[in-house]
């Protein structure tokens, strides 16, 4: 038998090592070698050792048969010897633990019992090819192979095969040793799976990510980073990071990146915003960072560069800034316009009042209507001026219970006039809020006025407060009136939107502005009394 003359290893080509060969040779008849003639023994006393002149003393040795048997019992890696027909002639004791066969059960069987398909069916042809050509690719090499266990499952092994020629026999034996590498192969597969997962994350992220040596040489760059600038991995690998296309935007940027690499190599985390070259002449703004990777001894062994494309964010910020500036300009212009309009209106209003007593009764009614219209227009101008003017907060400590009580006192006359009942619900007497007392008071007063107007005559209004999780305070005003029309829910806090006949539509918009300037919020909902409930949430500090 001989191995297949190809690159595919065959278990049929397995043969035991030289020690096993000796055992096999003992079992064959006639003897493997003719006994050598021995010289006449030199008489010596019992227990004496004969040493040739000038030769070192020989250590006592075991008989060859005992040594071979010990080797076959003790060798850890399963070892087999087969003849040219593929018949197992020697098997070490260790075959049982790995293959499930006892040595005595394998001896005399064809080695094909350990082979998977297609090698099992083709093994005889492998042997015939070897006998005919004398060529094979498995002798003297270690190959990975699958052996079939007696119970039918495969075992991954490393197989080493050598040929042994015996002086007394024309046919050689083949010795094969097996090493179970199943655990190692499983570990390799896990490592490969882990590498595939990490590669998928590395390549799939939207961030620009790479890998550098501490000196700044590029080891890896993900596809996002490469595609952003139109480069290939071969073009950047091995180059100093600052000399790659990303940083060709200017010499100043190159110096900045080179300095960042130097600092990161010393163990510092570096981060800054910068610009890189994209495809063609495109310029990208990125949030860039360099993170050092340390070994167990605390030495920097790698650098991880990361960039997040914030080009669109920066553009949006610039657009927003420009819009805010334009709105501020419009606001200033509106305030000036309102001021310029308000003064003539006031003068006209005073003039109309001055001439009212000179007119007849019919004309007085028309004049009074005109005066009322001018007053409402003046009020609108004042509110517009107040709303357009930027708020200058003057925060200070406010005792919530005292603030609510003051708001109710200020409108007590209005409450009595309308016959409305107003009660105060304070969950904690000691609650303190840090805010602009005047502005928050104006908001609560406006909300309470709206509630009284919505009630008409009679009705019940509750003014309350409570603390919320996250160091926040809730101030609420609710009534048992008709509630908020569904058609106004989405536009309630927009400027110049009102359901009142004489309203300006700026009251709730002003309330929202004050709430947001304090880092809070305001909302409207249906209350437990059945009417509207306005909730103002503000941070305690």
Protein backbone atom coordinates (compact mmCIF):
# COMPACT_ATOMS: atom_id res chain seq x y z
CA UNK A 1 0.00 0.00 0.00
CA UNK A 2 1.11 3.51 -0.60
CA UNK A 3 -0.46 6.91 -0.33
CA UNK A 4 -2.38 8.49 -3.13
CA UNK A 5 -0.02 10.31 -5.58
CA UNK A 6 -1.86 13.61 -5.05
CA UNK A 7 -2.15 16.42 -2.56
CA UNK A 8 -5.07 14.83 -0.71
CA UNK A 9 -3.79 12.92 2.34
CA UNK A 10 -5.15 9.42 2.85
CA UNK A 11 -5.50 7.57 6.11
CA UNK A 12 -4.73 4.44 4.13
CA UNK A 13 -1.21 5.72 3.88
CA UNK A 14 -0.72 5.59 7.63
CA UNK A 15 2.16 3.61 9.07
CA UNK A 16 3.65 3.39 12.58
CA UNK A 17 7.00 4.81 13.50
CA UNK A 18 10.27 2.83 13.59
CA UNK A 19 9.57 1.44 17.05
CA UNK A 20 6.26 -0.01 15.88
CA UNK A 21 7.97 -1.38 12.79
CA UNK A 22 10.26 -3.43 14.94
CA UNK A 23 7.24 -4.90 16.68
CA UNK A 24 5.63 -5.68 13.32
CA UNK A 25 8.80 -7.32 12.11
CA UNK A 26 8.83 -9.61 15.13
CA UNK A 27 5.35 -10.85 14.31
CA UNK A 28 6.22 -11.85 10.76
CA UNK A 29 7.69 -15.24 9.71
CA UNK A 30 10.40 -15.90 8.64
CA UNK A 31 12.41 -13.58 10.91
CA UNK A 32 13.10 -10.09 9.54
CA UNK A 33 16.90 -10.50 9.72
CA UNK A 34 19.37 -13.33 10.09
CA UNK A 35 20.98 -13.43 13.53
CA UNK A 36 24.53 -12.17 13.51
CA UNK A 37 27.33 -14.47 14.66
CA UNK A 38 28.53 -13.53 18.05
CA UNK A 39 32.08 -13.65 19.29
CA UNK A 40 32.93 -16.04 22.04
CA UNK A 41 31.87 -14.60 25.37
CA UNK A 42 34.53 -13.51 27.76
CA UNK A 43 34.31 -15.28 31.10
CA UNK A 44 33.43 -12.94 33.94
CA UNK A 45 32.29 -13.21 37.44
CA UNK A 46 28.58 -12.82 38.20
CA UNK A 47 27.49 -9.15 38.26
CA UNK A 48 30.65 -7.97 36.48
CA UNK A 49 30.52 -5.53 33.56
CA UNK A 50 32.84 -5.87 30.57
CA UNK A 51 34.11 -2.61 29.07
CA UNK A 52 36.14 -2.31 25.94
CA UNK A 53 39.40 -0.49 26.30
CA UNK A 54 38.93 3.24 25.77
CA UNK A 55 35.11 2.97 25.48
CA UNK A 56 32.65 4.56 27.91
CA UNK A 57 30.77 2.29 30.21
CA UNK A 58 27.46 1.11 28.67
CA UNK A 59 24.22 1.67 30.59
CA UNK A 60 22.09 -1.40 31.20
CA UNK A 61 19.45 -1.74 28.44
CA UNK A 62 16.13 -3.55 28.26
CA UNK A 63 15.59 -6.29 25.71
CA UNK A 64 14.33 -4.91 22.34
CA UNK A 65 11.01 -6.71 22.69
CA UNK A 66 10.34 -5.09 26.04
CA UNK A 67 11.31 -1.66 24.71
CA UNK A 68 9.04 -1.93 21.67
CA UNK A 69 6.11 -3.06 23.79
CA UNK A 70 6.69 -0.15 26.18
CA UNK A 71 6.81 2.35 23.34
CA UNK A 72 3.55 1.10 21.86
CA UNK A 73 1.88 1.31 25.25
CA UNK A 74 3.28 4.72 26.23
CA UNK A 75 3.19 6.80 23.03
CA UNK A 76 0.55 9.52 23.42
CA UNK A 77 -0.19 10.10 19.74
CA UNK A 78 -1.93 7.13 18.10
CA UNK A 79 0.54 5.26 15.86
CA UNK A 80 -0.22 2.65 13.19
CA UNK A 81 1.80 0.55 10.74
CA UNK A 82 0.31 -0.79 7.52
CA UNK A 83 1.66 -2.87 4.67
CA UNK A 84 1.36 -2.19 0.93
CA UNK A 85 -2.13 -3.68 0.85
CA UNK A 86 -3.40 -1.29 3.53
CA UNK A 87 -3.61 -3.90 6.27
CA UNK A 88 -2.88 -2.70 9.80
CA UNK A 89 0.01 -4.73 11.25
CA UNK A 90 0.79 -2.67 14.37
CA UNK A 91 -1.35 -0.32 16.52
CA UNK A 92 -0.35 1.59 19.64
CA UNK A 93 -2.52 1.46 22.75
CA UNK A 94 -3.43 5.14 22.33
CA UNK A 95 -5.60 4.44 19.25
CA UNK A 96 -8.44 3.32 21.52
CA UNK A 97 -8.81 6.69 23.28
CA UNK A 98 -8.91 8.62 20.00
CA UNK A 99 -10.53 6.25 17.48
CA UNK A 100 -12.64 3.98 19.72
CA UNK A 101 -10.92 0.83 18.39
CA UNK A 102 -8.84 -1.47 20.55
CA UNK A 103 -5.38 -2.16 19.04
CA UNK A 104 -6.18 -5.85 18.66
CA UNK A 105 -9.37 -4.97 16.76
CA UNK A 106 -7.52 -2.82 14.23
CA UNK A 107 -4.65 -5.22 13.55
CA UNK A 108 -5.54 -7.29 10.50
CA UNK A 109 -8.19 -4.84 9.29
CA UNK A 110 -7.80 -2.60 6.27
CA UNK A 111 -6.96 0.99 7.13
CA UNK A 112 -10.03 2.06 5.13
CA UNK A 113 -12.17 1.63 8.26
CA UNK A 114 -10.74 4.96 9.49
CA UNK A 115 -11.28 6.86 6.24
CA UNK A 116 -14.10 9.18 5.20
CA UNK A 117 -15.54 9.19 1.71
CA UNK A 118 -14.40 9.49 -1.04
CA UNK A 119 -11.01 8.24 0.17
CA UNK A 120 -12.50 5.00 1.51
CA UNK A 121 -13.76 3.92 -1.92
CA UNK A 122 -10.68 5.14 -3.79
CA UNK A 123 -8.04 3.87 -1.39
CA UNK A 124 -7.21 0.70 -3.32
CA UNK A 125 -6.55 2.80 -6.42
CA UNK A 126 -4.27 5.10 -4.41
CA UNK A 127 -2.20 2.08 -3.40
CA UNK A 128 -2.09 0.67 -6.93
CA UNK A 129 -0.94 4.06 -8.31
CA UNK A 130 1.85 4.21 -5.76
CA UNK A 131 3.03 0.66 -6.47
CA UNK A 132 3.04 1.45 -10.19
CA UNK A 133 4.66 4.91 -10.12
CA UNK A 134 6.40 5.05 -6.75
CA UNK A 135 5.18 8.64 -6.36
CA UNK A 136 3.12 10.22 -3.61
CA UNK A 137 2.74 13.60 -1.96
CA UNK A 138 2.18 12.50 1.60
CA UNK A 139 5.38 10.77 2.67
CA UNK A 140 7.64 12.81 4.91
CA UNK A 141 5.02 15.50 5.44
CA UNK A 142 2.44 16.47 8.04
CA UNK A 143 -1.04 16.99 6.69
CA UNK A 144 -4.44 17.76 8.17
CA UNK A 145 -6.90 14.95 7.77
CA UNK A 146 -10.26 13.68 9.06
CA UNK A 147 -10.40 10.26 10.70
CA UNK A 148 -13.69 8.43 11.27
CA UNK A 149 -14.27 7.29 14.84
CA UNK A 150 -15.71 3.83 15.43
CA UNK A 151 -19.03 5.50 16.34
CA UNK A 152 -19.10 7.33 13.01
CA UNK A 153 -18.18 10.94 13.81
CA UNK A 154 -15.16 12.68 12.32
CA UNK A 155 -12.01 13.69 14.18
CA UNK A 156 -9.70 16.39 12.86
CA UNK A 157 -6.07 15.26 13.09
CA UNK A 158 -2.58 16.05 11.87
CA UNK A 159 -1.18 13.01 10.06
CA UNK A 160 2.55 12.33 9.58
CA UNK A 161 3.55 9.37 7.35
CA UNK A 162 6.96 7.81 6.67
CA UNK A 163 8.14 4.71 4.84
CA UNK A 164 10.27 2.02 6.45
CA UNK A 165 12.20 -0.59 4.48
CA UNK A 166 13.21 -3.74 6.34
CA UNK A 167 16.43 -5.54 5.33
CA UNK A 168 14.81 -8.95 5.32
CA UNK A 169 11.67 -7.92 3.39
CA UNK A 170 11.17 -6.70 -0.13
CA UNK A 171 7.94 -4.89 0.77
CA UNK A 172 8.08 -1.77 2.92
CA UNK A 173 5.88 -0.77 5.85
CA UNK A 174 4.34 2.65 6.33
CA UNK A 175 4.24 4.29 9.72
CA UNK A 176 1.68 6.97 10.52
CA UNK A 177 1.19 9.03 13.66
CA UNK A 178 -1.94 11.04 14.47
CA UNK A 179 -2.39 14.12 16.60
CA UNK A 180 -5.89 15.28 17.58
CA UNK A 181 -6.22 18.94 16.55
CA UNK A 182 -10.01 19.21 17.00
CA UNK A 183 -9.69 21.65 19.93
CA UNK A 184 -7.16 23.75 18.07
CA UNK A 185 -9.26 23.82 14.90
CA UNK A 186 -12.34 24.80 16.91
CA UNK A 187 -10.35 27.61 18.54
CA UNK A 188 -9.15 28.73 15.09
CA UNK A 189 -12.72 28.75 13.80
CA UNK A 190 -13.82 30.85 16.77
CA UNK A 191 -10.98 33.27 16.15
CA UNK A 192 -11.95 33.46 12.46
CA UNK A 193 -15.61 34.05 13.39
CA UNK A 194 -14.56 36.77 15.82
CA UNK A 195 -12.35 38.37 13.19
CA UNK A 196 -15.22 38.29 10.67
CA UNK A 197 -17.56 39.95 13.17
CA UNK A 198 -15.00 42.60 14.05
CA UNK A 199 -14.26 43.15 10.36
CA UNK A 200 -17.98 43.52 9.66
CA UNK A 201 -18.25 46.16 12.40
CA UNK A 202 -15.04 47.83 11.26
CA UNK A 203 -16.15 48.02 7.65
CA UNK A 204 -19.85 48.63 8.31
CA UNK A 205 -19.64 51.66 10.59
CA UNK A 206 -20.44 55.12 9.26
CA UNK A 207 -17.44 56.55 11.11
CA UNK A 208 -13.97 56.90 9.60
CA UNK A 209 -11.86 54.36 11.51
CA UNK A 210 -8.29 53.16 11.07
CA UNK A 211 -5.40 51.54 12.84
CA UNK A 212 -1.92 53.03 13.23
CA UNK A 213 1.39 52.06 14.74
CA UNK A 214 2.58 54.28 17.60
CA UNK A 215 4.87 55.92 15.03
CA UNK A 216 1.86 56.84 12.88
CA UNK A 217 2.15 54.29 10.06
CA UNK A 218 -1.22 53.27 8.60
CA UNK A 219 -2.04 49.61 9.21
CA UNK A 220 -5.74 49.60 8.36
CA UNK A 221 -8.50 51.94 7.20
CA UNK A 222 -12.17 51.05 6.85
CA UNK A 223 -14.15 51.40 3.65
CA UNK A 224 -16.04 54.46 4.91
CA UNK A 225 -12.79 56.38 5.32
CA UNK A 226 -11.37 55.15 2.01
CA UNK A 227 -14.51 55.89 0.00
CA UNK A 228 -14.80 59.37 1.48
CA UNK A 229 -11.53 60.40 -0.19
CA UNK A 230 -11.50 57.97 -3.12
CA UNK A 231 -8.37 56.14 -1.93
CA UNK A 232 -7.57 52.42 -1.83
CA UNK A 233 -6.16 50.44 1.07
CA UNK A 234 -2.96 49.81 -0.90
CA UNK A 235 -2.45 53.55 -1.39
CA UNK A 236 -2.51 54.36 2.33
CA UNK A 237 -1.14 51.21 4.00
CA UNK A 238 2.38 51.67 5.34
CA UNK A 239 2.41 55.45 4.84
CA UNK A 240 2.70 58.00 7.63
CA UNK A 241 -0.86 58.95 8.53
CA UNK A 242 -0.32 62.68 8.02
CA UNK A 243 1.00 62.10 4.49
CA UNK A 244 -2.15 60.39 3.22
CA UNK A 245 -4.67 62.10 0.95
CA UNK A 246 -7.06 62.85 3.82
CA UNK A 247 -4.71 65.51 5.18
CA UNK A 248 -3.49 66.98 1.89
CA UNK A 249 -5.81 69.94 2.41
CA UNK A 250 -2.98 72.10 3.80
CA UNK A 251 0.43 71.92 5.44
CA UNK A 252 -1.04 73.34 8.63
CA UNK A 253 -3.49 70.43 8.89
CA UNK A 254 -0.67 67.92 8.29
CA UNK A 255 1.33 69.46 11.16
CA UNK A 256 -1.72 69.37 13.42
CA UNK A 257 -2.27 65.65 12.73
CA UNK A 258 1.41 64.80 13.12
CA UNK A 259 1.43 66.52 16.51
CA UNK A 260 -1.73 64.63 17.48
CA UNK A 261 -0.02 61.32 16.64
CA UNK A 262 2.95 62.30 18.79
CA UNK A 263 0.73 63.10 21.75
CA UNK A 264 -1.37 59.93 21.35
CA UNK A 265 1.80 57.80 21.18
CA UNK A 266 2.61 59.14 24.65
CA UNK A 267 -0.73 57.85 25.95
CA UNK A 268 -2.92 60.94 25.53
CA UNK A 269 -6.42 60.90 24.07
CA UNK A 270 -6.59 63.63 21.43
CA UNK A 271 -9.75 65.15 19.92
CA UNK A 272 -10.49 68.19 17.77
CA UNK A 273 -12.53 69.39 14.81
CA UNK A 274 -10.68 69.66 11.52
CA UNK A 275 -11.10 69.42 7.76
CA UNK A 276 -10.06 66.64 5.38
CA UNK A 277 -10.01 66.24 1.63
CA UNK A 278 -12.86 64.25 0.16
CA UNK A 279 -13.36 63.13 -3.41
CA UNK A 280 -12.03 65.60 -5.92
CA UNK A 281 -11.90 69.04 -4.38
CA UNK A 282 -14.57 68.34 -1.77
CA UNK A 283 -13.72 69.48 1.76
CA UNK A 284 -15.24 67.61 4.71
CA UNK A 285 -15.46 68.77 8.30
CA UNK A 286 -14.91 65.96 10.80
CA UNK A 287 -14.90 65.44 14.54
CA UNK A 288 -11.50 63.71 14.77
CA UNK A 289 -9.95 61.73 17.63
CA UNK A 290 -6.89 59.58 18.27
CA UNK A 291 -7.10 56.93 21.00
CA UNK A 292 -4.04 55.00 22.25
CA UNK A 293 -4.25 51.24 22.87
CA UNK A 294 -2.11 49.88 25.71
CA UNK A 295 -0.68 46.44 26.42
CA UNK A 296 -0.71 44.89 29.89
CA UNK A 297 2.50 46.68 30.78
CA UNK A 298 0.95 50.05 29.96
CA UNK A 299 2.91 50.54 26.75
CA UNK A 300 1.17 52.10 23.74
CA UNK A 301 1.04 49.46 21.01
CA UNK A 302 -1.57 50.88 18.61
CA UNK A 303 -3.39 54.10 17.80
CA UNK A 304 -7.03 54.20 16.68
CA UNK A 305 -7.92 57.24 14.56
CA UNK A 306 -11.63 57.98 14.27
CA UNK A 307 -13.47 60.66 12.37
CA UNK A 308 -17.17 61.54 12.29
CA UNK A 309 -18.35 63.50 9.27
CA UNK A 310 -20.08 66.59 10.65
CA UNK A 311 -20.10 68.56 7.40
CA UNK A 312 -23.89 68.65 7.19
CA UNK A 313 -24.22 69.47 10.87
CA UNK A 314 -21.82 72.41 10.54
CA UNK A 315 -23.69 73.65 7.47
CA UNK A 316 -26.97 73.41 9.34
CA UNK A 317 -25.45 75.26 12.28
CA UNK A 318 -24.22 78.01 10.02
CA UNK A 319 -27.64 78.25 8.37
CA UNK A 320 -29.34 78.33 11.75
CA UNK A 321 -26.96 81.00 13.01
CA UNK A 322 -27.61 83.10 9.91
CA UNK A 323 -31.36 82.65 10.34
CA UNK A 324 -31.20 83.59 14.03
CA UNK A 325 -29.25 86.70 13.15
CA UNK A 326 -31.82 87.59 10.51
CA UNK A 327 -34.65 86.98 12.98
CA UNK A 328 -32.87 89.07 15.58
CA UNK A 329 -32.59 91.86 13.03
CA UNK A 330 -36.26 91.48 12.16
CA UNK A 331 -37.11 91.49 15.86
CA UNK A 332 -35.16 94.67 16.43
CA UNK A 333 -36.84 96.22 13.40
CA UNK A 334 -40.26 95.09 14.60
CA UNK A 335 -39.61 96.57 18.03
CA UNK A 336 -38.56 99.85 16.46
CA UNK A 337 -41.57 99.76 14.15
CA UNK A 338 -43.93 99.03 17.02
CA UNK A 339 -42.41 101.88 19.00
CA UNK A 340 -42.76 104.27 16.06
CA UNK A 341 -46.38 103.26 15.49
CA UNK A 342 -47.31 103.33 19.18
CA UNK A 343 -46.40 106.97 19.68
CA UNK A 344 -48.65 108.38 16.91
CA UNK A 345 -51.48 106.10 18.04
CA UNK A 346 -51.20 107.44 21.57
CA UNK A 347 -51.25 111.00 20.23
CA UNK A 348 -54.31 110.29 18.06
CA UNK A 349 -56.08 108.67 21.00
CA UNK A 350 -55.47 111.69 23.22
CA UNK A 351 -56.63 114.07 20.45
CA UNK A 352 -59.84 112.13 19.97
CA UNK A 353 -60.60 112.32 23.67
CA UNK A 354 -59.89 116.07 23.65
CA UNK A 355 -62.46 116.82 20.93
CA UNK A 356 -65.07 114.33 22.10
CA UNK A 357 -66.96 116.90 24.22
CA UNK A 358 -67.32 119.22 21.20
CA UNK A 359 -69.27 116.66 19.17
CA UNK A 360 -72.91 115.75 19.24
CA UNK A 361 -74.31 112.56 20.79
CA UNK A 362 -74.43 110.76 17.44
CA UNK A 363 -70.84 111.59 16.72
CA UNK A 364 -69.72 110.70 20.26
CA UNK A 365 -70.80 107.05 19.77
CA UNK A 366 -68.72 106.77 16.59
CA UNK A 367 -65.84 108.51 18.30
CA UNK A 368 -65.92 106.22 21.33
CA UNK A 369 -65.83 103.17 19.02
CA UNK A 370 -62.84 104.70 17.26
CA UNK A 371 -61.13 105.38 20.58
CA UNK A 372 -61.69 101.74 21.62
CA UNK A 373 -60.19 100.47 18.39
CA UNK A 374 -57.17 102.74 18.82
CA UNK A 375 -56.69 101.50 22.39
CA UNK A 376 -56.72 97.86 21.26
CA UNK A 377 -54.25 98.69 18.51
CA UNK A 378 -51.99 100.39 21.08
CA UNK A 379 -52.26 97.34 23.35
CA UNK A 380 -51.27 95.07 20.47
CA UNK A 381 -48.28 97.26 19.73
CA UNK A 382 -47.21 97.13 23.36
CA UNK A 383 -47.54 93.32 23.46
CA UNK A 384 -45.67 92.99 20.17
CA UNK A 385 -42.90 95.20 21.49
CA UNK A 386 -42.71 93.13 24.68
CA UNK A 387 -42.69 89.81 22.77
CA UNK A 388 -40.04 90.88 20.24
CA UNK A 389 -37.69 92.25 22.88
CA UNK A 390 -35.08 89.67 24.08
CA UNK A 391 -35.66 88.52 27.65
CA UNK A 392 -33.07 89.42 30.23
CA UNK A 393 -33.59 86.92 33.02
CA UNK A 394 -32.87 87.93 36.60
CA UNK A 395 -33.13 84.61 38.43
CA UNK A 396 -33.42 84.39 42.18
CA UNK A 397 -34.91 82.11 44.84
CA UNK A 398 -38.72 82.00 44.82
CA UNK A 399 -40.89 80.37 47.48
CA UNK A 400 -43.47 78.67 45.31
CA UNK A 401 -46.31 78.84 47.86
CA UNK A 402 -45.80 82.59 48.33
CA UNK A 403 -45.71 83.19 44.55
CA UNK A 404 -49.01 81.36 43.98
CA UNK A 405 -50.67 83.18 46.86
CA UNK A 406 -49.53 86.54 45.47
CA UNK A 407 -50.91 85.77 41.98
CA UNK A 408 -54.30 84.89 43.50
CA UNK A 409 -54.29 88.06 45.66
CA UNK A 410 -53.48 90.27 42.66
CA UNK A 411 -56.56 88.95 40.82
CA UNK A 412 -58.89 88.66 43.82
CA UNK A 413 -61.00 91.61 42.65
CA UNK A 414 -61.45 89.97 39.21
CA UNK A 415 -62.40 86.68 40.89
CA UNK A 416 -65.04 88.35 43.08
CA UNK A 417 -66.34 90.31 40.11
CA UNK A 418 -66.87 87.13 38.09
CA UNK A 419 -68.11 85.10 41.05
CA UNK A 420 -65.37 82.45 40.55
CA UNK A 421 -63.95 80.27 43.33
CA UNK A 422 -60.14 80.00 43.32
CA UNK A 423 -58.35 77.47 45.53
CA UNK A 424 -54.64 76.80 45.98
CA UNK A 425 -53.11 73.30 46.20
CA UNK A 426 -49.47 73.22 47.28
CA UNK A 427 -48.02 69.74 47.80
CA UNK A 428 -44.98 70.98 49.72
CA UNK A 429 -44.84 74.29 51.58
CA UNK A 430 -41.05 74.52 51.44
CA UNK A 431 -40.58 74.25 47.67
CA UNK A 432 -38.11 76.82 46.36
CA UNK A 433 -37.67 77.69 42.68
CA UNK A 434 -34.75 79.61 41.17
CA UNK A 435 -36.18 81.78 38.38
CA UNK A 436 -37.09 85.31 37.36
CA UNK A 437 -39.90 86.09 39.81
CA UNK A 438 -41.46 88.87 37.73
CA UNK A 439 -41.59 86.88 34.48
CA UNK A 440 -42.89 83.67 36.09
CA UNK A 441 -45.45 85.75 37.96
CA UNK A 442 -46.58 87.32 34.66
CA UNK A 443 -47.02 83.85 33.13
CA UNK A 444 -49.16 82.60 36.05
CA UNK A 445 -51.20 85.81 36.09
CA UNK A 446 -51.85 85.51 32.34
CA UNK A 447 -52.93 81.88 32.72
CA UNK A 448 -55.23 82.66 35.64
CA UNK A 449 -56.81 85.56 33.71
CA UNK A 450 -57.44 83.27 30.75
CA UNK A 451 -59.12 80.73 33.06
CA UNK A 452 -61.40 83.38 34.58
CA UNK A 453 -62.35 84.70 31.14
CA UNK A 454 -63.09 81.15 29.92
CA UNK A 455 -65.45 80.57 32.89
CA UNK A 456 -67.57 83.67 32.31
CA UNK A 457 -69.67 83.78 35.50
CA UNK A 458 -69.02 81.46 38.44
CA UNK A 459 -66.91 78.35 38.08
CA UNK A 460 -63.93 76.89 39.91
CA UNK A 461 -60.21 77.40 39.33
CA UNK A 462 -57.35 75.48 41.02
CA UNK A 463 -53.84 76.91 41.25
CA UNK A 464 -51.34 74.26 42.32
CA UNK A 465 -47.76 73.06 42.45
CA UNK A 466 -45.76 69.89 43.10
CA UNK A 467 -42.21 68.61 42.78
CA UNK A 468 -41.26 66.26 39.94
CA UNK A 469 -38.42 63.75 39.49
CA UNK A 470 -35.21 65.17 38.10
CA UNK A 471 -35.17 68.35 40.24
CA UNK A 472 -38.13 69.95 38.46
CA UNK A 473 -41.29 71.75 39.63
CA UNK A 474 -44.77 71.72 38.14
CA UNK A 475 -46.97 74.83 38.35
CA UNK A 476 -50.53 74.33 37.08
CA UNK A 477 -53.76 76.26 36.64
CA UNK A 478 -56.93 74.36 35.75
CA UNK A 479 -60.61 75.20 35.56
CA UNK A 480 -63.99 73.55 35.11
CA UNK A 481 -64.84 75.60 32.03
CA UNK A 482 -65.50 74.47 28.45
CA UNK A 483 -61.89 73.47 27.76
CA UNK A 484 -59.77 74.06 24.67
CA UNK A 485 -61.33 73.69 21.19
CA UNK A 486 -59.79 70.80 19.26
CA UNK A 487 -59.13 73.12 16.32
CA UNK A 488 -56.74 75.21 18.44
CA UNK A 489 -54.69 72.49 20.16
CA UNK A 490 -51.84 72.53 17.63
CA UNK A 491 -51.62 76.33 17.28
CA UNK A 492 -52.36 77.38 20.85
CA UNK A 493 -48.88 78.75 21.65
CA UNK A 494 -48.17 80.34 18.27
CA UNK A 495 -48.01 84.17 18.05
CA UNK A 496 -51.17 86.05 16.98
CA UNK A 497 -53.41 83.01 17.40
CA UNK A 498 -56.40 83.62 19.70
CA UNK A 499 -60.02 82.64 20.23
CA UNK A 500 -60.85 85.85 22.09
CA UNK A 501 -62.73 88.62 20.38
CA UNK A 502 -60.37 91.27 21.71
CA UNK A 503 -57.21 89.19 22.23
CA UNK A 504 -53.82 89.87 20.67
CA UNK A 505 -52.71 86.23 20.39
CA UNK A 506 -49.40 86.99 22.11
CA UNK A 507 -50.20 86.04 25.70
CA UNK A 508 -49.62 82.26 25.45
CA UNK A 509 -46.75 82.77 23.00
CA UNK A 510 -45.11 84.98 25.64
CA UNK A 511 -45.73 82.29 28.30
CA UNK A 512 -43.99 79.71 26.12
CA UNK A 513 -41.06 82.04 25.51
CA UNK A 514 -40.58 82.61 29.26
CA UNK A 515 -40.80 78.86 29.98
CA UNK A 516 -38.23 77.95 27.33
CA UNK A 517 -35.85 80.75 28.37
CA UNK A 518 -35.84 79.15 31.83
CA UNK A 519 -35.09 75.71 30.37
CA UNK A 520 -38.65 74.53 30.98
CA UNK A 521 -41.81 73.86 29.03
CA UNK A 522 -45.53 74.59 28.99
CA UNK A 523 -48.41 72.47 27.76
CA UNK A 524 -52.20 72.48 27.67
CA UNK A 525 -54.40 69.47 28.35
CA UNK A 526 -57.80 68.49 29.72
CA UNK A 527 -57.83 68.73 33.51
CA UNK A 528 -59.47 66.62 36.19
CA UNK A 529 -62.13 69.34 36.65
CA UNK A 530 -63.26 68.83 33.07
CA UNK A 531 -61.93 72.08 31.66
CA UNK A 532 -58.50 73.22 30.51
CA UNK A 533 -55.31 72.67 32.45
CA UNK A 534 -52.10 74.56 31.72
CA UNK A 535 -48.94 73.01 33.14
CA UNK A 536 -45.70 74.96 33.48
CA UNK A 537 -42.62 72.78 34.19
CA UNK A 538 -39.43 74.50 35.32
CA UNK A 539 -36.09 73.27 36.69
CA UNK A 540 -35.60 74.01 40.38
CA UNK A 541 -32.24 75.65 39.71
